[in-house]
Amino acid sequence: MRTPAGLESLIEQGIIQAVVRPLLSGKEAQVYLVISDDEERVAKVYKDAQQRSFKQRAGYTEGRRSKNSRDQRAVAKGSRHGKAQEEAAWRSAEVDTIYKLRAAGVRVPTPHYFLDGVLVMELVKGAAGEPAPRLGEVEMTAQAAKVIFHQLIGEVVRMLCAGVVHGDLSDFNVLLGTDGPVLIDFPQSIDAAHSQNARAILLRDVRNLNRFLLGFGGTPPPLRHGPEMWDLYAQGQLRPDTVLTGYHQPSEAEVDVEALLLELAEDASEEAARRSAR
């Protein structure tokens, strides 16, 4: 195949020996199957800002700050330098998050190189050695779906203990590897401690996992892992090995029924559009 422009510099430097084929195209990046260090890996080439379709970006980048005060001022003014710095920070956000999550014991792909806006990382494989399918592409029994759901809730707990909320978690951002689910796609992840949107986004991530489970005839009662998880985190009581009950009772002040119904309707519409596009 013709060498993608975004991978040319990595080939010239010997980091990538060959490009095998495209794997998928997402709203933020194009992913290729490549040979690097004599083994199969993936190369994620981030799209330019004008090509990305991810919306409401400000709600996700809140809390991300450059350590350089000049860069902060440039970003605030929207200057050319500021836009360049903001774009560089956006592209590096995922690799920073992956290293952080791996150190916290979260199941994510192993990163190997990040150069010229390209992230080269582990190829998560399925049972036959092929690239692992996304969870939304796998048929399974209700019981198997329930097991995976609880595994994923455990990963979300470990992420939150590391101060990270995925931000776009669904069965399309989980690979089913030989050893279980692996979480992917973190450019939109947020800092749980420094974003006022963290709780709402975490609850949406967990609702997406609930919908995945229910799609296979899963658990009957409404589950409240998200609010339970967040309350424990806010109280400083959440631990990486915390086992949630899913039956957390919110205070009356927590519940805004009209806003909740509107949010659920918007989520369902957004998920339907995402599935149709993919």
C-alpha atoms as a PDB file:
ATOM      1  CA  MET A   1       0.000   0.000   0.000  1.00  0.00           C
ATOM      2  CA  ARG A   2       1.032   3.619  -0.452  1.00  0.00           C
ATOM      3  CA  THR A   3       2.812   5.004   2.618  1.00  0.00           C
ATOM      4  CA  PRO A   4       0.528   7.387   4.571  1.00  0.00           C
ATOM      5  CA  ALA A   5       2.047  10.862   4.770  1.00  0.00           C
ATOM      6  CA  GLY A   6       1.825  10.900   8.558  1.00  0.00           C
ATOM      7  CA  LEU A   7       4.076   7.834   8.842  1.00  0.00           C
ATOM      8  CA  GLU A   8       6.848   8.828   6.438  1.00  0.00           C
ATOM      9  CA  SER A   9       9.134  10.380   9.075  1.00  0.00           C
ATOM     10  CA  LEU A  10       8.874   7.314  11.329  1.00  0.00           C
ATOM     11  CA  ILE A  11       9.773   5.044   8.410  1.00  0.00           C
ATOM     12  CA  GLU A  12      12.760   7.241   7.536  1.00  0.00           C
ATOM     13  CA  GLN A  13      13.967   6.990  11.143  1.00  0.00           C
ATOM     14  CA  GLY A  14      13.566   3.214  11.200  1.00  0.00           C
ATOM     15  CA  ILE A  15      10.897   3.212  13.900  1.00  0.00           C
ATOM     16  CA  ILE A  16       8.426   1.620  11.491  1.00  0.00           C
ATOM     17  CA  GLN A  17       9.709  -1.018   9.087  1.00  0.00           C
ATOM     18  CA  ALA A  18       6.482  -1.533   7.139  1.00  0.00           C
ATOM     19  CA  VAL A  19       2.858  -0.402   6.966  1.00  0.00           C
ATOM     20  CA  VAL A  20       0.642  -3.474   6.630  1.00  0.00           C
ATOM     21  CA  ARG A  21      -2.815  -1.943   6.236  1.00  0.00           C
ATOM     22  CA  PRO A  22      -5.282   0.562   7.697  1.00  0.00           C
ATOM     23  CA  LEU A  23      -7.152  -0.716  10.746  1.00  0.00           C
ATOM     24  CA  LEU A  24      -9.762   1.964  11.378  1.00  0.00           C
ATOM     25  CA  SER A  25     -10.529   5.646  11.071  1.00  0.00           C
ATOM     26  CA  GLY A  26     -11.968   7.461  14.074  1.00  0.00           C
ATOM     27  CA  LYS A  27     -13.089  11.002  14.765  1.00  0.00           C
ATOM     28  CA  GLU A  28      -9.633  11.976  16.046  1.00  0.00           C
ATOM     29  CA  ALA A  29      -7.171   9.701  14.253  1.00  0.00           C
ATOM     30  CA  GLN A  30      -6.385   7.139  11.573  1.00  0.00           C
ATOM     31  CA  VAL A  31      -4.996   3.836  12.895  1.00  0.00           C
ATOM     32  CA  TYR A  32      -2.676   1.545  10.906  1.00  0.00           C
ATOM     33  CA  LEU A  33      -1.307  -1.948  11.445  1.00  0.00           C
ATOM     34  CA  VAL A  34       2.487  -1.651  11.166  1.00  0.00           C
ATOM     35  CA  ILE A  35       5.706  -3.554  11.777  1.00  0.00           C
ATOM     36  CA  SER A  36       7.885  -1.850  14.396  1.00  0.00           C
ATOM     37  CA  ASP A  37      10.899  -3.404  16.140  1.00  0.00           C
ATOM     38  CA  ASP A  38      10.103  -6.569  14.148  1.00  0.00           C
ATOM     39  CA  GLU A  39       6.665  -7.069  15.653  1.00  0.00           C
ATOM     40  CA  GLU A  40       3.099  -6.145  14.778  1.00  0.00           C
ATOM     41  CA  ARG A  41       1.974  -2.898  16.390  1.00  0.00           C
ATOM     42  CA  VAL A  42      -0.471  -0.105  15.692  1.00  0.00           C
ATOM     43  CA  ALA A  43       0.365   3.434  14.656  1.00  0.00           C
ATOM     44  CA  LYS A  44      -2.168   6.115  15.503  1.00  0.00           C
ATOM     45  CA  VAL A  45      -1.896   9.207  13.321  1.00  0.00           C
ATOM     46  CA  TYR A  46      -3.766  12.140  14.860  1.00  0.00           C
ATOM     47  CA  LYS A  47      -5.875  14.253  12.550  1.00  0.00           C
ATOM     48  CA  ASP A  48      -5.493  18.008  12.273  1.00  0.00           C
ATOM     49  CA  ALA A  49      -7.930  20.126  14.270  1.00  0.00           C
ATOM     50  CA  GLN A  50     -10.017  21.029  11.214  1.00  0.00           C
ATOM     51  CA  GLN A  51     -10.421  17.337  10.320  1.00  0.00           C
ATOM     52  CA  ARG A  52     -11.529  16.130  13.746  1.00  0.00           C
ATOM     53  CA  SER A  53     -15.236  15.684  14.348  1.00  0.00           C
ATOM     54  CA  PHE A  54     -15.080  15.577  18.157  1.00  0.00           C
ATOM     55  CA  LYS A  55     -17.425  18.259  19.533  1.00  0.00           C
ATOM     56  CA  GLN A  56     -17.737  20.254  22.771  1.00  0.00           C
ATOM     57  CA  ARG A  57     -13.990  20.055  23.222  1.00  0.00           C
ATOM     58  CA  ALA A  58     -13.809  22.796  25.868  1.00  0.00           C
ATOM     59  CA  GLY A  59     -15.628  20.629  28.381  1.00  0.00           C
ATOM     60  CA  TYR A  60     -12.904  18.010  28.074  1.00  0.00           C
ATOM     61  CA  THR A  61      -9.791  20.185  27.946  1.00  0.00           C
ATOM     62  CA  GLU A  62     -10.779  22.097  31.087  1.00  0.00           C
ATOM     63  CA  GLY A  63      -8.098  21.529  33.695  1.00  0.00           C
ATOM     64  CA  ARG A  64      -5.313  20.920  31.171  1.00  0.00           C
ATOM     65  CA  ARG A  65      -2.755  23.682  31.610  1.00  0.00           C
ATOM     66  CA  SER A  66       0.659  24.296  30.127  1.00  0.00           C
ATOM     67  CA  LYS A  67       3.467  24.766  32.650  1.00  0.00           C
ATOM     68  CA  ASN A  68       4.820  27.584  30.481  1.00  0.00           C
ATOM     69  CA  SER A  69       3.139  30.910  31.318  1.00  0.00           C
ATOM     70  CA  ARG A  70       3.936  32.314  27.845  1.00  0.00           C
ATOM     71  CA  ASP A  71       2.165  29.364  26.258  1.00  0.00           C
ATOM     72  CA  GLN A  72      -0.818  29.823  28.586  1.00  0.00           C
ATOM     73  CA  ARG A  73      -1.161  33.467  27.544  1.00  0.00           C
ATOM     74  CA  ALA A  74      -0.819  32.572  23.873  1.00  0.00           C
ATOM     75  CA  VAL A  75      -3.532  29.917  24.128  1.00  0.00           C
ATOM     76  CA  ALA A  76      -5.837  32.348  25.940  1.00  0.00           C
ATOM     77  CA  LYS A  77      -5.319  34.968  23.198  1.00  0.00           C
ATOM     78  CA  GLY A  78      -5.837  32.447  20.391  1.00  0.00           C
ATOM     79  CA  SER A  79      -2.608  33.461  18.663  1.00  0.00           C
ATOM     80  CA  ARG A  80      -0.891  31.290  16.055  1.00  0.00           C
ATOM     81  CA  HIS A  81       1.642  30.167  18.654  1.00  0.00           C
ATOM     82  CA  GLY A  82      -1.165  29.501  21.120  1.00  0.00           C
ATOM     83  CA  LYS A  83      -3.087  27.380  18.630  1.00  0.00           C
ATOM     84  CA  ALA A  84       0.062  25.401  17.840  1.00  0.00           C
ATOM     85  CA  GLN A  85       0.695  24.784  21.541  1.00  0.00           C
ATOM     86  CA  GLU A  86      -2.915  23.791  22.126  1.00  0.00           C
ATOM     87  CA  GLU A  87      -2.769  21.350  19.220  1.00  0.00           C
ATOM     88  CA  ALA A  88       0.500  19.843  20.506  1.00  0.00           C
ATOM     89  CA  ALA A  89      -1.049  19.412  23.957  1.00  0.00           C
ATOM     90  CA  TRP A  90      -4.132  17.762  22.456  1.00  0.00           C
ATOM     91  CA  ARG A  91      -2.005  15.247  20.560  1.00  0.00           C
ATOM     92  CA  SER A  92       0.173  14.399  23.556  1.00  0.00           C
ATOM     93  CA  ALA A  93      -2.762  14.063  25.985  1.00  0.00           C
ATOM     94  CA  GLU A  94      -3.441  10.449  25.083  1.00  0.00           C
ATOM     95  CA  VAL A  95       0.098   9.148  25.501  1.00  0.00           C
ATOM     96  CA  ASP A  96       0.443  10.989  28.824  1.00  0.00           C
ATOM     97  CA  THR A  97      -2.799   9.405  30.003  1.00  0.00           C
ATOM     98  CA  ILE A  98      -1.830   5.911  28.822  1.00  0.00           C
ATOM     99  CA  TYR A  99       1.469   6.004  30.726  1.00  0.00           C
ATOM    100  CA  LYS A 100      -0.360   7.241  33.812  1.00  0.00           C
ATOM    101  CA  LEU A 101      -3.028   4.547  33.594  1.00  0.00           C
ATOM    102  CA  ARG A 102      -0.534   1.736  32.988  1.00  0.00           C
ATOM    103  CA  ALA A 103       1.298   2.783  36.141  1.00  0.00           C
ATOM    104  CA  ALA A 104      -2.043   2.586  37.976  1.00  0.00           C
ATOM    105  CA  GLY A 105      -2.721  -0.961  36.756  1.00  0.00           C
ATOM    106  CA  VAL A 106      -5.436  -0.089  34.230  1.00  0.00           C
ATOM    107  CA  ARG A 107      -5.687  -2.386  31.199  1.00  0.00           C
ATOM    108  CA  VAL A 108      -4.545  -0.176  28.293  1.00  0.00           C
ATOM    109  CA  PRO A 109      -2.232  -0.859  25.307  1.00  0.00           C
ATOM    110  CA  THR A 110       1.512  -0.536  25.942  1.00  0.00           C
ATOM    111  CA  PRO A 111       2.875   2.658  24.321  1.00  0.00           C
ATOM    112  CA  HIS A 112       6.256   2.349  22.540  1.00  0.00           C
ATOM    113  CA  TYR A 113       6.915   5.618  20.658  1.00  0.00           C
ATOM    114  CA  PHE A 114       5.338   9.050  20.343  1.00  0.00           C
ATOM    115  CA  LEU A 115       6.936  11.106  17.604  1.00  0.00           C
ATOM    116  CA  ASP A 116       5.759  13.711  15.076  1.00  0.00           C
ATOM    117  CA  GLY A 117       2.159  13.379  16.225  1.00  0.00           C
ATOM    118  CA  VAL A 118       2.117   9.586  15.831  1.00  0.00           C
ATOM    119  CA  LEU A 119       1.617   7.138  18.699  1.00  0.00           C
ATOM    120  CA  VAL A 120       3.054   3.646  18.134  1.00  0.00           C
ATOM    121  CA  MET A 121       1.714   1.133  20.632  1.00  0.00           C
ATOM    122  CA  GLU A 122       0.917  -2.486  21.330  1.00  0.00           C
ATOM    123  CA  LEU A 123      -1.395  -4.374  18.999  1.00  0.00           C
ATOM    124  CA  VAL A 124      -4.031  -5.957  21.235  1.00  0.00           C
ATOM    125  CA  LYS A 125      -4.753  -9.387  19.752  1.00  0.00           C
ATOM    126  CA  GLY A 126      -7.682 -11.780  19.776  1.00  0.00           C
ATOM    127  CA  ALA A 127      -7.667 -15.536  20.307  1.00  0.00           C
ATOM    128  CA  ALA A 128      -6.397 -16.335  16.801  1.00  0.00           C
ATOM    129  CA  GLY A 129      -3.659 -13.686  16.858  1.00  0.00           C
ATOM    130  CA  GLU A 130      -5.700 -11.233  14.807  1.00  0.00           C
ATOM    131  CA  PRO A 131      -6.292  -7.614  15.871  1.00  0.00           C
ATOM    132  CA  ALA A 132      -8.745  -7.789  18.763  1.00  0.00           C
ATOM    133  CA  PRO A 133     -12.332  -6.800  17.916  1.00  0.00           C
ATOM    134  CA  ARG A 134     -14.071  -3.910  19.562  1.00  0.00           C
ATOM    135  CA  LEU A 135     -16.588  -4.953  22.193  1.00  0.00           C
ATOM    136  CA  GLY A 136     -19.468  -3.614  20.104  1.00  0.00           C
ATOM    137  CA  GLU A 137     -18.587  -6.082  17.343  1.00  0.00           C
ATOM    138  CA  VAL A 138     -18.718  -9.224  19.510  1.00  0.00           C
ATOM    139  CA  GLU A 139     -21.717 -11.515  20.044  1.00  0.00           C
ATOM    140  CA  MET A 140     -21.965 -12.982  23.545  1.00  0.00           C
ATOM    141  CA  THR A 141     -24.349 -14.391  26.105  1.00  0.00           C
ATOM    142  CA  ALA A 142     -25.984 -12.235  28.768  1.00  0.00           C
ATOM    143  CA  GLN A 143     -23.797 -13.904  31.398  1.00  0.00           C
ATOM    144  CA  ALA A 144     -20.583 -13.189  29.465  1.00  0.00           C
ATOM    145  CA  ALA A 145     -21.681  -9.576  28.981  1.00  0.00           C
ATOM    146  CA  LYS A 146     -22.320  -9.264  32.723  1.00  0.00           C
ATOM    147  CA  VAL A 147     -18.818 -10.549  33.544  1.00  0.00           C
ATOM    148  CA  ILE A 148     -17.236  -8.067  31.126  1.00  0.00           C
ATOM    149  CA  PHE A 149     -19.401  -5.246  32.481  1.00  0.00           C
ATOM    150  CA  HIS A 150     -18.093  -5.799  36.014  1.00  0.00           C
ATOM    151  CA  GLN A 151     -14.519  -6.068  34.710  1.00  0.00           C
ATOM    152  CA  LEU A 152     -14.949  -2.704  32.998  1.00  0.00           C
ATOM    153  CA  ILE A 153     -16.465  -1.114  36.103  1.00  0.00           C
ATOM    154  CA  GLY A 154     -13.319  -2.229  37.923  1.00  0.00           C
ATOM    155  CA  GLU A 155     -11.171  -0.532  35.262  1.00  0.00           C
ATOM    156  CA  VAL A 156     -13.204   2.685  35.592  1.00  0.00           C
ATOM    157  CA  VAL A 157     -12.653   2.582  39.361  1.00  0.00           C
ATOM    158  CA  ARG A 158      -8.884   2.226  38.860  1.00  0.00           C
ATOM    159  CA  MET A 159      -8.931   5.090  36.346  1.00  0.00           C
ATOM    160  CA  LEU A 160     -10.787   7.355  38.749  1.00  0.00           C
ATOM    161  CA  CYS A 161      -8.365   6.466  41.559  1.00  0.00           C
ATOM    162  CA  ALA A 162      -5.620   7.691  39.182  1.00  0.00           C
ATOM    163  CA  GLY A 163      -7.584  10.935  38.708  1.00  0.00           C
ATOM    164  CA  VAL A 164      -8.723  10.164  35.147  1.00  0.00           C
ATOM    165  CA  VAL A 165     -12.176  10.012  33.555  1.00  0.00           C
ATOM    166  CA  HIS A 166     -12.192   8.436  30.082  1.00  0.00           C
ATOM    167  CA  GLY A 167     -14.695  10.889  28.613  1.00  0.00           C
ATOM    168  CA  ASP A 168     -15.898   8.803  25.655  1.00  0.00           C
ATOM    169  CA  LEU A 169     -16.224   5.305  27.074  1.00  0.00           C
ATOM    170  CA  SER A 170     -18.483   2.836  25.301  1.00  0.00           C
ATOM    171  CA  ASP A 171     -18.293  -0.629  23.757  1.00  0.00           C
ATOM    172  CA  PHE A 172     -16.622   1.000  20.729  1.00  0.00           C
ATOM    173  CA  ASN A 173     -13.649   2.123  22.845  1.00  0.00           C
ATOM    174  CA  VAL A 174     -12.974  -1.283  24.393  1.00  0.00           C
ATOM    175  CA  LEU A 175     -11.052  -4.087  22.688  1.00  0.00           C
ATOM    176  CA  LEU A 176     -11.741  -7.690  23.677  1.00  0.00           C
ATOM    177  CA  GLY A 177      -8.283  -9.231  23.917  1.00  0.00           C
ATOM    178  CA  THR A 178      -7.333 -12.782  24.855  1.00  0.00           C
ATOM    179  CA  ASP A 179      -7.030 -11.803  28.525  1.00  0.00           C
ATOM    180  CA  GLY A 180     -10.163  -9.676  28.691  1.00  0.00           C
ATOM    181  CA  PRO A 181     -11.211  -6.109  27.840  1.00  0.00           C
ATOM    182  CA  VAL A 182      -8.618  -3.409  27.097  1.00  0.00           C
ATOM    183  CA  LEU A 183      -9.529   0.290  27.132  1.00  0.00           C
ATOM    184  CA  ILE A 184      -8.467   2.523  24.226  1.00  0.00           C
ATOM    185  CA  ASP A 185      -8.885   6.081  22.885  1.00  0.00           C
ATOM    186  CA  PHE A 186      -7.999   8.675  25.540  1.00  0.00           C
ATOM    187  CA  PRO A 187      -7.482  12.034  23.763  1.00  0.00           C
ATOM    188  CA  GLN A 188     -10.692  13.324  25.358  1.00  0.00           C
ATOM    189  CA  SER A 189      -9.889  12.084  28.877  1.00  0.00           C
ATOM    190  CA  ILE A 190     -10.261  14.634  31.668  1.00  0.00           C
ATOM    191  CA  ASP A 191      -8.671  15.402  35.016  1.00  0.00           C
ATOM    192  CA  ALA A 192     -11.199  14.316  37.647  1.00  0.00           C
ATOM    193  CA  ALA A 193      -9.890  16.731  40.269  1.00  0.00           C
ATOM    194  CA  HIS A 194      -9.755  19.867  38.121  1.00  0.00           C
ATOM    195  CA  SER A 195     -12.793  19.707  35.840  1.00  0.00           C
ATOM    196  CA  GLN A 196     -16.250  20.780  36.925  1.00  0.00           C
ATOM    197  CA  ASN A 197     -17.615  18.430  34.233  1.00  0.00           C
ATOM    198  CA  ALA A 198     -15.876  15.345  35.635  1.00  0.00           C
ATOM    199  CA  ARG A 199     -18.832  13.899  37.530  1.00  0.00           C
ATOM    200  CA  ALA A 200     -21.322  14.321  34.678  1.00  0.00           C
ATOM    201  CA  ILE A 201     -18.915  12.806  32.153  1.00  0.00           C
ATOM    202  CA  LEU A 202     -18.092   9.870  34.435  1.00  0.00           C
ATOM    203  CA  LEU A 203     -21.802   9.133  34.887  1.00  0.00           C
ATOM    204  CA  ARG A 204     -22.280   9.168  31.134  1.00  0.00           C
ATOM    205  CA  ASP A 205     -19.351   6.773  30.629  1.00  0.00           C
ATOM    206  CA  VAL A 206     -20.879   4.338  33.125  1.00  0.00           C
ATOM    207  CA  ARG A 207     -24.358   4.656  31.578  1.00  0.00           C
ATOM    208  CA  ASN A 208     -22.822   3.692  28.245  1.00  0.00           C
ATOM    209  CA  LEU A 209     -21.514   0.502  29.853  1.00  0.00           C
ATOM    210  CA  ASN A 210     -24.949  -0.132  31.370  1.00  0.00           C
ATOM    211  CA  ARG A 211     -26.527   0.147  27.927  1.00  0.00           C
ATOM    212  CA  PHE A 212     -24.005  -2.330  26.556  1.00  0.00           C
ATOM    213  CA  LEU A 213     -24.951  -4.839  29.261  1.00  0.00           C
ATOM    214  CA  LEU A 214     -28.680  -4.351  28.839  1.00  0.00           C
ATOM    215  CA  GLY A 215     -28.284  -4.921  25.095  1.00  0.00           C
ATOM    216  CA  PHE A 216     -27.517  -8.564  25.868  1.00  0.00           C
ATOM    217  CA  GLY A 217     -30.437  -9.026  28.249  1.00  0.00           C
ATOM    218  CA  GLY A 218     -28.347  -8.147  31.286  1.00  0.00           C
ATOM    219  CA  THR A 219     -29.161  -6.970  34.800  1.00  0.00           C
ATOM    220  CA  PRO A 220     -32.804  -6.095  35.597  1.00  0.00           C
ATOM    221  CA  PRO A 221     -32.712  -3.239  38.194  1.00  0.00           C
ATOM    222  CA  PRO A 222     -31.312   0.240  37.429  1.00  0.00           C
ATOM    223  CA  LEU A 223     -27.656   0.228  38.415  1.00  0.00           C
ATOM    224  CA  ARG A 224     -25.995   3.251  40.013  1.00  0.00           C
ATOM    225  CA  HIS A 225     -22.317   2.381  39.862  1.00  0.00           C
ATOM    226  CA  GLY A 226     -21.469   5.858  38.576  1.00  0.00           C
ATOM    227  CA  PRO A 227     -22.925   7.919  41.449  1.00  0.00           C
ATOM    228  CA  GLU A 228     -21.655   5.374  43.990  1.00  0.00           C
ATOM    229  CA  MET A 229     -18.157   5.516  42.499  1.00  0.00           C
ATOM    230  CA  TRP A 230     -18.067   9.315  42.359  1.00  0.00           C
ATOM    231  CA  ASP A 231     -19.341   9.774  45.916  1.00  0.00           C
ATOM    232  CA  LEU A 232     -16.658   7.429  47.255  1.00  0.00           C
ATOM    233  CA  TYR A 233     -14.037   9.312  45.221  1.00  0.00           C
ATOM    234  CA  ALA A 234     -15.248  12.720  46.450  1.00  0.00           C
ATOM    235  CA  GLN A 235     -15.094  11.455  50.044  1.00  0.00           C
ATOM    236  CA  GLY A 236     -11.570  10.098  49.573  1.00  0.00           C
ATOM    237  CA  GLN A 237     -12.779   6.528  50.145  1.00  0.00           C
ATOM    238  CA  LEU A 238     -12.414   5.044  46.647  1.00  0.00           C
ATOM    239  CA  ARG A 239      -9.616   2.477  46.282  1.00  0.00           C
ATOM    240  CA  PRO A 240      -8.390   0.573  43.183  1.00  0.00           C
ATOM    241  CA  ASP A 241      -9.813  -2.651  44.637  1.00  0.00           C
ATOM    242  CA  THR A 242     -13.155  -1.150  45.747  1.00  0.00           C
ATOM    243  CA  VAL A 243     -16.076  -3.417  44.809  1.00  0.00           C
ATOM    244  CA  LEU A 244     -19.213  -1.403  44.052  1.00  0.00           C
ATOM    245  CA  THR A 245     -22.723  -2.575  44.884  1.00  0.00           C
ATOM    246  CA  GLY A 246     -24.538  -0.703  42.101  1.00  0.00           C
ATOM    247  CA  TYR A 247     -27.419   0.138  44.470  1.00  0.00           C
ATOM    248  CA  HIS A 248     -26.245   3.527  45.720  1.00  0.00           C
ATOM    249  CA  GLN A 249     -29.047   5.751  47.031  1.00  0.00           C
ATOM    250  CA  PRO A 250     -28.570   9.423  46.087  1.00  0.00           C
ATOM    251  CA  SER A 251     -29.746  12.288  48.261  1.00  0.00           C
ATOM    252  CA  GLU A 252     -32.775  14.245  47.029  1.00  0.00           C
ATOM    253  CA  ALA A 253     -30.487  17.171  46.210  1.00  0.00           C
ATOM    254  CA  GLU A 254     -28.598  14.981  43.730  1.00  0.00           C
ATOM    255  CA  VAL A 255     -31.603  14.278  41.533  1.00  0.00           C
ATOM    256  CA  ASP A 256     -32.841  16.649  38.829  1.00  0.00           C
ATOM    257  CA  VAL A 257     -35.324  14.391  37.039  1.00  0.00           C
ATOM    258  CA  GLU A 258     -36.014  16.688  34.090  1.00  0.00           C
ATOM    259  CA  ALA A 259     -32.302  17.260  33.431  1.00  0.00           C
ATOM    260  CA  LEU A 260     -31.603  13.545  33.815  1.00  0.00           C
ATOM    261  CA  LEU A 261     -34.287  12.554  31.295  1.00  0.00           C
ATOM    262  CA  LEU A 262     -33.018  15.149  28.825  1.00  0.00           C
ATOM    263  CA  GLU A 263     -29.441  13.936  29.252  1.00  0.00           C
ATOM    264  CA  LEU A 264     -30.464  10.304  28.742  1.00  0.00           C
ATOM    265  CA  ALA A 265     -32.348  11.213  25.545  1.00  0.00           C
ATOM    266  CA  GLU A 266     -29.321  13.121  24.232  1.00  0.00           C
ATOM    267  CA  ASP A 267     -27.020  10.222  25.082  1.00  0.00           C
ATOM    268  CA  ALA A 268     -29.259   7.722  23.278  1.00  0.00           C
ATOM    269  CA  SER A 269     -29.396   9.937  20.188  1.00  0.00           C
ATOM    270  CA  GLU A 270     -25.616  10.423  20.231  1.00  0.00           C
ATOM    271  CA  GLU A 271     -24.960   6.685  20.616  1.00  0.00           C
ATOM    272  CA  ALA A 272     -27.384   5.837  17.770  1.00  0.00           C
ATOM    273  CA  ALA A 273     -25.613   8.313  15.489  1.00  0.00           C
ATOM    274  CA  ARG A 274     -22.202   6.917  16.459  1.00  0.00           C
ATOM    275  CA  ARG A 275     -23.261   3.320  15.728  1.00  0.00           C
ATOM    276  CA  SER A 276     -24.815   4.327  12.404  1.00  0.00           C
ATOM    277  CA  ALA A 277     -21.638   6.146  11.358  1.00  0.00           C
ATOM    278  CA  ARG A 278     -19.413   3.188  12.253  1.00  0.00           C
END
